[in-house]
Structure formats: C-alpha cells, structure tokens
C-alpha cells in the first residue's frame, strides 16, 4: 500500500502494509506515524548529492520527496546505534565533505566539557552552497529514531 499526498508542489510518500494512520489533518498541517517498512530506501536525490547513509539503519518513512531541494526532503531511520555512534559518524562524514557543523553555544560548551554523551544527538550541517542537513535522534527504547531533513538554501545556513 502506498499513500501519496501532494504538499505545496512536492509529495509526501508513505509505503507499507502497516500504516498506523493519520493523526491530524487541517490547514495543510499533518503528521503521520508509520511502522518500519523494509521496502523503503534513501531517495534518489539524496544519493545523487552524495550524502551519508548511516548503517546499520532502516529507512522507516519518507516525506517530501522532490526532484530538487527547493521544498526539501525528509527521511526517518530506525537504528540500534547509540547517540555517540550517530554523532561520530555524521560529524566525520560531513567533515570529509567540507560541510560546517552549526552548533549552539550551549552544545559547544557541553562538547568542551565532555558531556555530549549524556544528550540525544542533534545537529545541523551546512554545505558551502547553503544547503542544510539537520539530523535529530530520539530514544525509542532499544533503538533510536533518526529524522533527517535536507533543504536547499537553508535559513540555518547563511551564505557569506
């Protein structure tokens, strides 16, 4: 079963036999909860951009799949990895791509004090062209749910 919902010139696509359902719908704002679906994969545009693909992880939901980054794209992963493993992977991968880590002063101070392991992983990386990559991990018991958003000309990433 596939659910495709038009959203401002792009599409929200959910695939799978076990969709929990629509939680809210009104004024163009909604959220959807989906169970893990082994048939989902990283979108073609994501791969064309050469963005990092964390393993071990399963893509459990796709949102705003576009042909460009104008409207952005969203991916939800599920992984048994720790927050530290996620942080280490994404920071190393984006450093190798010459992207900038955009951290708050509070996170910089926690990093300097060696306290990052005590908080969930959350980061914004900025490409040289102003593309923004945000990632946020939430504890789900033995696993983490990871939400990735990629948007061209991100307000979080100011161009010089």
Protein backbone atom coordinates (compact mmCIF):
# COMPACT_ATOMS: atom_id res chain seq x y z
CA UNK A 1 0.00 0.00 0.00
CA UNK A 2 1.33 3.46 -0.89
CA UNK A 3 -0.01 6.80 0.29
CA UNK A 4 0.99 9.85 -1.75
CA UNK A 5 -0.19 13.26 -0.55
CA UNK A 6 0.53 16.44 -2.58
CA UNK A 7 2.12 19.11 -0.38
CA UNK A 8 2.98 22.51 -1.90
CA UNK A 9 4.43 21.28 -5.18
CA UNK A 10 6.01 18.12 -3.75
CA UNK A 11 4.81 14.78 -2.40
CA UNK A 12 4.70 13.06 0.97
CA UNK A 13 5.06 9.35 0.24
CA UNK A 14 4.43 6.55 2.71
CA UNK A 15 4.67 2.91 1.71
CA UNK A 16 3.87 -0.19 3.65
CA UNK A 17 1.24 -2.61 4.78
CA UNK A 18 1.07 -1.31 8.34
CA UNK A 19 0.34 2.40 8.40
CA UNK A 20 -0.90 3.44 11.82
CA UNK A 21 -2.92 6.29 10.40
CA UNK A 22 -3.33 9.98 10.12
CA UNK A 23 -3.01 11.75 13.46
CA UNK A 24 -4.20 15.17 12.35
CA UNK A 25 -5.28 16.89 9.16
CA UNK A 26 -6.14 20.53 8.75
CA UNK A 27 -4.88 23.74 7.19
CA UNK A 28 -2.21 21.80 5.33
CA UNK A 29 -0.55 20.62 8.56
CA UNK A 30 -0.46 16.94 9.41
CA UNK A 31 1.69 14.24 10.88
CA UNK A 32 1.75 10.56 10.07
CA UNK A 33 3.05 7.63 12.05
CA UNK A 34 4.28 4.62 10.07
CA UNK A 35 5.66 1.25 11.09
CA UNK A 36 9.02 0.09 9.79
CA UNK A 37 8.92 -0.95 6.15
CA UNK A 38 11.88 -2.87 4.75
CA UNK A 39 10.89 -1.80 1.21
CA UNK A 40 11.86 1.86 1.70
CA UNK A 41 15.25 3.27 0.77
CA UNK A 42 17.09 6.59 0.61
CA UNK A 43 15.61 8.82 -2.13
CA UNK A 44 17.45 9.09 -5.44
CA UNK A 45 18.12 12.82 -4.95
CA UNK A 46 19.72 12.12 -1.55
CA UNK A 47 22.09 9.61 -3.15
CA UNK A 48 22.84 11.89 -6.11
CA UNK A 49 24.00 14.55 -3.62
CA UNK A 50 26.43 12.03 -2.09
CA UNK A 51 25.02 12.46 1.41
CA UNK A 52 26.00 9.94 4.11
CA UNK A 53 23.90 6.81 4.61
CA UNK A 54 24.16 5.53 8.17
CA UNK A 55 24.42 1.77 8.76
CA UNK A 56 23.03 -0.17 10.48
CA UNK A 57 19.73 1.62 9.93
CA UNK A 58 16.38 1.01 8.28
CA UNK A 59 14.50 3.72 6.39
CA UNK A 60 11.05 3.68 8.02
CA UNK A 61 9.43 6.73 6.46
CA UNK A 62 9.95 9.22 3.63
CA UNK A 63 8.47 12.68 3.44
CA UNK A 64 8.55 15.49 0.91
CA UNK A 65 10.29 13.54 -1.84
CA UNK A 66 11.17 16.07 -4.56
CA UNK A 67 13.20 16.36 -7.72
CA UNK A 68 15.08 19.30 -6.16
CA UNK A 69 15.92 20.57 -2.69
CA UNK A 70 13.73 23.66 -3.07
CA UNK A 71 10.99 22.12 -0.93
CA UNK A 72 13.39 19.91 0.99
CA UNK A 73 13.22 16.21 1.73
CA UNK A 74 12.79 14.21 4.92
CA UNK A 75 13.85 10.71 5.90
CA UNK A 76 13.19 8.79 9.12
CA UNK A 77 15.55 5.98 10.11
CA UNK A 78 15.49 3.40 12.87
CA UNK A 79 18.82 2.16 14.25
CA UNK A 80 20.22 0.32 17.27
CA UNK A 81 23.23 2.71 17.24
CA UNK A 82 23.94 4.92 20.24
CA UNK A 83 23.79 8.72 20.16
CA UNK A 84 27.60 8.73 20.31
CA UNK A 85 27.89 6.42 17.30
CA UNK A 86 25.46 8.60 15.33
CA UNK A 87 27.32 11.78 16.32
CA UNK A 88 30.72 10.30 15.42
CA UNK A 89 29.51 9.04 12.03
CA UNK A 90 27.76 12.21 10.86
CA UNK A 91 30.45 14.57 12.15
CA UNK A 92 33.20 12.57 10.40
CA UNK A 93 31.23 12.21 7.16
CA UNK A 94 30.32 15.88 6.90
CA UNK A 95 33.83 16.96 7.88
CA UNK A 96 35.13 14.86 4.94
CA UNK A 97 32.58 16.61 2.67
CA UNK A 98 33.83 20.03 3.93
CA UNK A 99 30.43 20.89 5.45
CA UNK A 100 30.28 23.07 8.56
CA UNK A 101 28.75 21.93 11.85
CA UNK A 102 26.38 24.66 13.04
CA UNK A 103 26.28 24.29 16.85
CA UNK A 104 24.65 26.36 19.55
CA UNK A 105 26.84 27.88 22.24
CA UNK A 106 25.30 25.50 24.80
CA UNK A 107 26.29 22.44 22.74
CA UNK A 108 29.79 23.88 22.20
CA UNK A 109 30.18 24.22 25.99
CA UNK A 110 28.87 20.67 26.56
CA UNK A 111 31.32 19.37 23.94
CA UNK A 112 34.22 21.22 25.63
CA UNK A 113 33.20 19.71 29.00
CA UNK A 114 32.89 16.19 27.52
CA UNK A 115 29.17 15.98 28.27
CA UNK A 116 27.74 15.24 24.79
CA UNK A 117 27.22 11.54 25.54
CA UNK A 118 24.53 12.50 28.04
CA UNK A 119 22.25 14.18 25.49
CA UNK A 120 20.42 12.95 22.37
CA UNK A 121 22.21 13.59 19.09
CA UNK A 122 21.01 16.62 17.19
CA UNK A 123 22.96 18.65 14.62
CA UNK A 124 22.77 20.98 11.65
CA UNK A 125 25.43 20.74 8.95
CA UNK A 126 25.82 23.43 6.29
CA UNK A 127 27.16 22.90 2.79
CA UNK A 128 29.21 25.55 1.03
CA UNK A 129 26.22 26.28 -1.24
CA UNK A 130 23.89 26.96 1.73
CA UNK A 131 22.28 23.50 1.71
CA UNK A 132 21.25 22.49 5.21
CA UNK A 133 21.26 18.95 6.64
CA UNK A 134 19.59 18.58 10.01
CA UNK A 135 19.54 15.35 11.97
CA UNK A 136 17.80 14.60 15.26
CA UNK A 137 17.76 11.30 17.15
CA UNK A 138 15.10 10.25 19.65
CA UNK A 139 15.33 7.29 22.04
CA UNK A 140 12.76 4.58 21.34
CA UNK A 141 13.84 2.03 23.94
CA UNK A 142 16.50 -0.24 22.44
CA UNK A 143 16.62 1.80 19.22
CA UNK A 144 16.90 5.39 18.07
CA UNK A 145 14.60 7.06 15.56
CA UNK A 146 16.59 9.48 13.42
CA UNK A 147 14.91 12.28 11.48
CA UNK A 148 16.92 13.75 8.62
CA UNK A 149 15.87 16.91 6.77
CA UNK A 150 17.73 18.33 3.79
CA UNK A 151 16.85 21.71 2.28
CA UNK A 152 18.48 23.94 -0.30
CA UNK A 153 19.24 27.50 0.80
CA UNK A 154 18.51 26.64 4.42
CA UNK A 155 17.79 29.53 6.79
CA UNK A 156 20.07 27.73 9.28
CA UNK A 157 22.97 28.05 6.84
CA UNK A 158 23.70 31.63 5.91
CA UNK A 159 25.79 32.21 2.83
CA UNK A 160 28.78 34.58 3.11
